[in-house]
Amino acid sequence: MKLVNVGCGQHISTEWINLDLVSGVRGVTRHDLRQGLPFSANQCDVVYHSHLLEHLTPTEARAFLLDCYRVLRPGGILRVVVPDLEGIARAYLRSLEASDQTGNTEDLDWMRIELLDQMVREYSGGTMRSFVDQSNFCNRPFVQSRIGDELFPPDKAFRQRNRKTFVQRLRRFPAKLTKLRRAVILGAVAVLGGRSDYRALKEGRFRQSGEIHRWMYDRISLCCLLGEIGFMEAGPCRPDESQIPNFEDYQLDSVGSRIRKPDSLFVEAIKPEKLIAQAA
């Protein structure tokens, strides 16, 4: 089977083709998704992506999903994982009501950040990172139940397993040069345009970096979008539930018995055996 993990980050399986813009760990192929998926039509059995779609505008997301449809064989499976707008909104309202009753605002503060921060942040990590880095951060169990281990330091075994080789570090050299060039440009803008122009350019560059969320989805909007593109049987599922054979063994949505991104919506859909015209 040809199994494709798109925008994989550090969460990969050696039995999958793992694609990302930056090859940060062993087993990841560097590929710019703006060029489309690097496969012929009807070639892949499964396409999976987790917390990727929300970083695209709705127009970009539709184009990307159309490309997923293109590369899947008839009967192939698409699995999409995104932050769950409905779940986050419901958790926010529960925290709001609990805060009214108890006067404790810590969980509510976090839910407000979880709902908004990744759409409005102006620097890497945003208010999420600032909240977790507080010395008096005391509602860790609640936050960890929402986002898993995403913002917490990886353990030693994980760091050892994903230590970069010399070749991987060498491949990052062009990116370092690009970073240096951008720093020089920012410096020039600061000198010529002043602090306000410097901050505007810096924020604009950050918002184009791919870190912020450009849209959010609930189970209805995402399933409707997949249906419009041509997929059938689009529907939400549990993180440990999948039509992909032996999916749990790959530990892409879980680490042992823990859900990797608990705040997520998990949706699967199938490319029909008898192909129909794709949405424009």
Protein backbone atom coordinates (compact mmCIF):
# COMPACT_ATOMS: atom_id res chain seq x y z
CA MET A 1 0.00 0.00 0.00
CA LYS A 2 1.11 3.57 -0.66
CA LEU A 3 0.46 5.51 2.54
CA VAL A 4 1.19 9.25 2.53
CA ASN A 5 1.61 11.45 5.62
CA VAL A 6 1.50 15.10 4.52
CA GLY A 7 2.88 17.96 6.64
CA CYS A 8 4.16 15.35 9.06
CA GLY A 9 6.48 17.39 11.28
CA GLN A 10 8.24 14.98 13.63
CA HIS A 11 5.36 12.50 13.84
CA ILE A 12 6.13 9.88 11.24
CA SER A 13 6.01 6.18 10.50
CA THR A 14 8.70 4.41 8.51
CA GLU A 15 5.95 2.51 6.69
CA TRP A 16 4.57 5.77 5.27
CA ILE A 17 5.84 8.34 2.78
CA ASN A 18 6.36 11.33 5.08
CA LEU A 19 6.31 14.78 3.44
CA ASP A 20 6.98 18.20 4.93
CA LEU A 21 8.26 21.61 3.91
CA VAL A 22 11.31 21.11 6.14
CA SER A 23 12.95 17.72 6.65
CA GLY A 24 13.55 17.99 10.38
CA VAL A 25 13.93 14.30 11.28
CA ARG A 26 15.09 11.13 9.60
CA GLY A 27 12.53 9.58 7.26
CA VAL A 28 10.97 12.86 6.10
CA THR A 29 11.09 13.95 2.45
CA ARG A 30 11.27 17.70 1.92
CA HIS A 31 8.50 18.93 -0.37
CA ASP A 32 6.78 22.28 -0.92
CA LEU A 33 3.05 21.52 -0.93
CA ARG A 34 2.41 24.71 -2.87
CA GLN A 35 3.70 22.73 -5.86
CA GLY A 36 1.03 20.04 -5.36
CA LEU A 37 1.48 16.51 -4.12
CA PRO A 38 4.35 14.72 -5.91
CA PHE A 39 2.28 11.77 -7.16
CA SER A 40 0.44 10.81 -10.31
CA ALA A 41 -3.34 10.55 -10.35
CA ASN A 42 -4.96 7.50 -8.70
CA GLN A 43 -1.65 6.39 -7.18
CA CYS A 44 -2.08 6.48 -3.38
CA ASP A 45 -4.10 4.24 -1.09
CA VAL A 46 -4.21 6.63 1.87
CA VAL A 47 -3.53 10.33 2.34
CA TYR A 48 -3.33 11.57 5.93
CA HIS A 49 -2.67 15.03 7.31
CA SER A 50 -2.91 16.33 10.85
CA HIS A 51 -3.20 20.01 11.84
CA LEU A 52 -2.29 21.17 8.36
CA LEU A 53 -5.55 22.28 6.77
CA GLU A 54 -6.22 25.08 9.26
CA HIS A 55 -2.99 26.81 8.19
CA LEU A 56 -4.42 27.33 4.69
CA THR A 57 -6.99 29.87 3.59
CA PRO A 58 -10.36 28.33 2.60
CA THR A 59 -9.41 28.73 -1.08
CA GLU A 60 -6.01 27.11 -0.54
CA ALA A 61 -7.58 24.33 1.53
CA ARG A 62 -10.05 23.46 -1.23
CA ALA A 63 -7.26 23.33 -3.82
CA PHE A 64 -5.16 21.11 -1.54
CA LEU A 65 -8.04 18.70 -0.86
CA LEU A 66 -8.74 18.52 -4.59
CA ASP A 67 -5.12 17.44 -5.03
CA CYS A 68 -5.55 14.80 -2.33
CA TYR A 69 -8.58 13.56 -4.28
CA ARG A 70 -6.51 13.50 -7.47
CA VAL A 71 -3.69 11.31 -6.11
CA LEU A 72 -5.92 8.84 -4.27
CA ARG A 73 -6.90 5.71 -6.13
CA PRO A 74 -10.65 4.96 -6.40
CA GLY A 75 -11.62 3.55 -3.01
CA GLY A 76 -8.66 5.30 -1.35
CA ILE A 77 -9.03 6.85 2.10
CA LEU A 78 -8.43 10.45 3.18
CA ARG A 79 -7.95 11.07 6.90
CA VAL A 80 -8.00 14.71 8.02
CA VAL A 81 -7.23 15.94 11.55
CA VAL A 82 -7.85 19.59 12.45
CA PRO A 83 -8.51 21.59 15.64
CA ASP A 84 -12.16 21.00 16.52
CA LEU A 85 -13.94 24.35 16.45
CA GLU A 86 -17.09 22.87 17.98
CA GLY A 87 -15.17 21.11 20.74
CA ILE A 88 -13.11 24.18 21.56
CA ALA A 89 -16.21 26.41 21.61
CA ARG A 90 -18.08 23.99 23.89
CA ALA A 91 -15.08 23.70 26.25
CA TYR A 92 -14.83 27.50 26.36
CA LEU A 93 -18.51 27.80 27.33
CA ARG A 94 -18.12 25.10 30.02
CA SER A 95 -15.11 26.96 31.45
CA LEU A 96 -17.03 30.23 31.34
CA GLU A 97 -19.92 28.73 33.31
CA ALA A 98 -17.53 27.07 35.80
CA SER A 99 -15.71 30.37 36.30
CA ASP A 100 -19.04 32.07 37.07
CA GLN A 101 -19.68 29.54 39.81
CA THR A 102 -16.19 29.20 41.33
CA GLY A 103 -14.46 32.47 40.53
CA ASN A 104 -11.47 30.51 39.21
CA THR A 105 -10.49 31.85 35.78
CA GLU A 106 -7.38 29.82 34.92
CA ASP A 107 -9.14 27.21 32.75
CA LEU A 108 -11.24 29.95 31.14
CA ASP A 109 -8.09 31.98 30.42
CA TRP A 110 -6.61 28.97 28.67
CA MET A 111 -9.73 28.24 26.61
CA ARG A 112 -9.86 31.85 25.44
CA ILE A 113 -6.23 31.54 24.33
CA GLU A 114 -6.84 28.16 22.67
CA LEU A 115 -9.77 29.58 20.70
CA LEU A 116 -8.10 32.77 19.50
CA ASP A 117 -4.32 32.79 19.87
CA GLN A 118 -3.29 30.85 16.79
CA MET A 119 -5.39 33.12 14.59
CA VAL A 120 -4.18 36.45 15.95
CA ARG A 121 -0.66 35.86 17.31
CA GLU A 122 2.17 38.12 16.17
CA TYR A 123 5.18 36.05 17.28
CA SER A 124 6.15 32.37 17.33
CA GLY A 125 4.48 30.38 20.10
CA GLY A 126 2.16 33.28 20.85
CA THR A 127 0.20 33.58 24.09
CA MET A 128 -0.03 29.78 24.28
CA ARG A 129 3.69 29.52 24.87
CA SER A 130 3.69 32.48 27.29
CA PHE A 131 0.90 30.87 29.32
CA VAL A 132 2.67 27.51 29.60
CA ASP A 133 6.00 29.15 30.45
CA GLN A 134 4.57 30.99 33.48
CA SER A 135 6.33 30.14 36.73
CA ASN A 136 2.93 30.00 38.47
CA PHE A 137 1.33 27.82 35.78
CA CYS A 138 -0.77 25.51 37.97
CA ASN A 139 -3.59 24.11 35.78
CA ARG A 140 -1.22 21.93 33.75
CA PRO A 141 -3.47 18.81 33.92
CA PHE A 142 -6.32 20.73 32.28
CA VAL A 143 -4.11 22.27 29.59
CA GLN A 144 -2.45 18.93 28.89
CA SER A 145 -5.87 17.30 28.59
CA ARG A 146 -6.64 19.87 25.87
CA ILE A 147 -3.46 19.81 23.78
CA GLY A 148 -1.49 16.75 24.85
CA ASP A 149 2.28 17.17 25.04
CA GLU A 150 2.52 19.67 22.18
CA LEU A 151 3.83 22.63 24.18
CA PHE A 152 5.74 20.65 26.78
CA PRO A 153 9.41 19.66 26.48
CA PRO A 154 9.99 16.27 24.78
CA ASP A 155 11.58 13.56 26.87
CA LYS A 156 15.20 12.48 26.46
CA ALA A 157 14.31 9.34 24.48
CA PHE A 158 12.39 11.43 21.93
CA ARG A 159 15.30 13.87 21.53
CA GLN A 160 17.76 11.00 21.07
CA ARG A 161 15.50 9.29 18.51
CA ASN A 162 15.17 12.47 16.46
CA ARG A 163 18.68 13.86 16.75
CA LYS A 164 19.63 15.51 13.49
CA THR A 165 22.46 14.00 11.47
CA PHE A 166 25.29 16.12 10.05
CA VAL A 167 23.76 15.79 6.56
CA GLN A 168 20.36 17.03 7.81
CA ARG A 169 22.01 20.01 9.48
CA LEU A 170 23.93 20.74 6.29
CA ARG A 171 20.69 20.70 4.30
CA ARG A 172 19.33 23.42 6.58
CA PHE A 173 22.18 25.76 5.62
CA PRO A 174 20.23 27.44 2.77
CA ALA A 175 17.39 28.12 5.22
CA LYS A 176 19.88 29.73 7.61
CA LEU A 177 21.12 31.96 4.80
CA THR A 178 17.54 32.96 4.02
CA LYS A 179 17.00 33.79 7.69
CA LEU A 180 20.15 35.93 7.68
CA ARG A 181 19.04 37.74 4.52
CA ARG A 182 15.66 38.51 6.09
CA ALA A 183 17.36 39.83 9.22
CA VAL A 184 19.44 42.19 7.07
CA ILE A 185 16.28 43.43 5.30
CA LEU A 186 14.52 44.00 8.63
CA GLY A 187 17.53 45.94 9.85
CA ALA A 188 17.49 48.12 6.76
CA VAL A 189 13.76 48.80 7.15
CA ALA A 190 14.29 49.76 10.80
CA VAL A 191 16.95 52.27 9.79
CA LEU A 192 15.09 53.73 6.81
CA GLY A 193 11.45 53.45 7.90
CA GLY A 194 11.59 53.54 11.66
CA ARG A 195 10.19 51.27 14.34
CA SER A 196 6.61 51.17 13.05
CA ASP A 197 7.65 49.98 9.58
CA TYR A 198 10.02 47.45 11.15
CA ARG A 199 7.24 45.99 13.32
CA ALA A 200 4.78 45.92 10.41
CA LEU A 201 7.21 44.01 8.17
CA LYS A 202 8.21 41.63 10.96
CA GLU A 203 4.58 40.84 11.79
CA GLY A 204 3.70 40.44 8.09
CA ARG A 205 6.58 38.01 7.57
CA PHE A 206 5.52 36.02 10.62
CA ARG A 207 1.90 35.80 9.47
CA GLN A 208 3.15 34.40 6.15
CA SER A 209 5.37 31.82 7.88
CA GLY A 210 2.68 29.13 8.12
CA GLU A 211 2.35 29.09 11.90
CA ILE A 212 -0.95 30.91 12.29
CA HIS A 213 -4.39 29.43 11.71
CA ARG A 214 -6.20 30.87 8.71
CA TRP A 215 -9.47 28.99 9.23
CA MET A 216 -11.18 26.55 11.58
CA TYR A 217 -13.56 23.66 10.97
CA ASP A 218 -16.34 21.84 12.75
CA ARG A 219 -17.64 18.38 11.81
CA ILE A 220 -20.38 19.77 9.55
CA SER A 221 -18.30 22.29 7.61
CA LEU A 222 -15.41 19.88 7.02
CA CYS A 223 -17.62 16.97 5.94
CA CYS A 224 -19.61 19.26 3.62
CA LEU A 225 -16.38 20.52 2.05
CA LEU A 226 -15.15 16.98 1.43
CA GLY A 227 -18.51 16.07 -0.10
CA GLU A 228 -18.38 19.08 -2.42
CA ILE A 229 -14.96 17.99 -3.65
CA GLY A 230 -16.26 14.53 -4.52
CA PHE A 231 -15.46 12.35 -1.51
CA MET A 232 -18.13 10.04 -0.16
CA GLU A 233 -18.94 8.77 3.34
CA ALA A 234 -17.23 11.74 4.98
CA GLY A 235 -17.74 11.58 8.70
CA PRO A 236 -16.07 12.12 12.08
CA CYS A 237 -14.44 9.24 13.93
CA ARG A 238 -12.56 8.61 17.16
CA PRO A 239 -8.77 9.02 17.21
CA ASP A 240 -8.41 5.26 17.71
CA GLU A 241 -10.94 4.45 14.98
CA SER A 242 -10.10 4.23 11.27
CA GLN A 243 -10.90 2.49 8.01
CA ILE A 244 -7.14 2.45 7.34
CA PRO A 245 -5.90 -1.09 8.07
CA ASN A 246 -3.89 -1.31 11.31
CA PHE A 247 -3.89 2.48 11.67
CA GLU A 248 -3.37 2.38 15.44
CA ASP A 249 -0.07 0.53 14.95
CA TYR A 250 1.46 3.59 13.26
CA GLN A 251 0.80 5.84 16.30
CA LEU A 252 0.20 8.94 14.20
CA ASP A 253 -2.80 10.13 16.21
CA SER A 254 -1.77 8.53 19.48
CA VAL A 255 1.32 7.82 21.53
CA GLY A 256 0.69 4.59 23.37
CA SER A 257 -2.73 5.02 24.94
CA ARG A 258 -2.62 8.85 24.81
CA ILE A 259 -4.21 10.97 22.09
CA ARG A 260 -1.49 13.11 20.52
CA LYS A 261 -3.74 16.15 19.91
CA PRO A 262 -6.82 15.81 22.14
CA ASP A 263 -8.42 19.05 20.91
CA SER A 264 -8.84 17.58 17.42
CA LEU A 265 -11.60 16.67 15.04
CA PHE A 266 -10.87 13.40 13.19
CA VAL A 267 -12.62 12.88 9.84
CA GLU A 268 -12.29 10.21 7.17
CA ALA A 269 -13.69 10.08 3.65
CA ILE A 270 -13.40 7.79 0.64
CA LYS A 271 -12.75 8.53 -3.01
CA PRO A 272 -15.60 6.77 -4.86
CA GLU A 273 -14.88 3.65 -6.89
CA LYS A 274 -16.76 5.12 -9.82
CA LEU A 275 -15.19 8.52 -10.32
CA ILE A 276 -17.48 11.52 -10.54
CA ALA A 277 -16.71 15.02 -11.72
CA GLN A 278 -14.71 17.01 -9.17
CA ALA A 279 -15.98 20.30 -7.79
CA ALA A 280 -14.73 23.40 -9.56
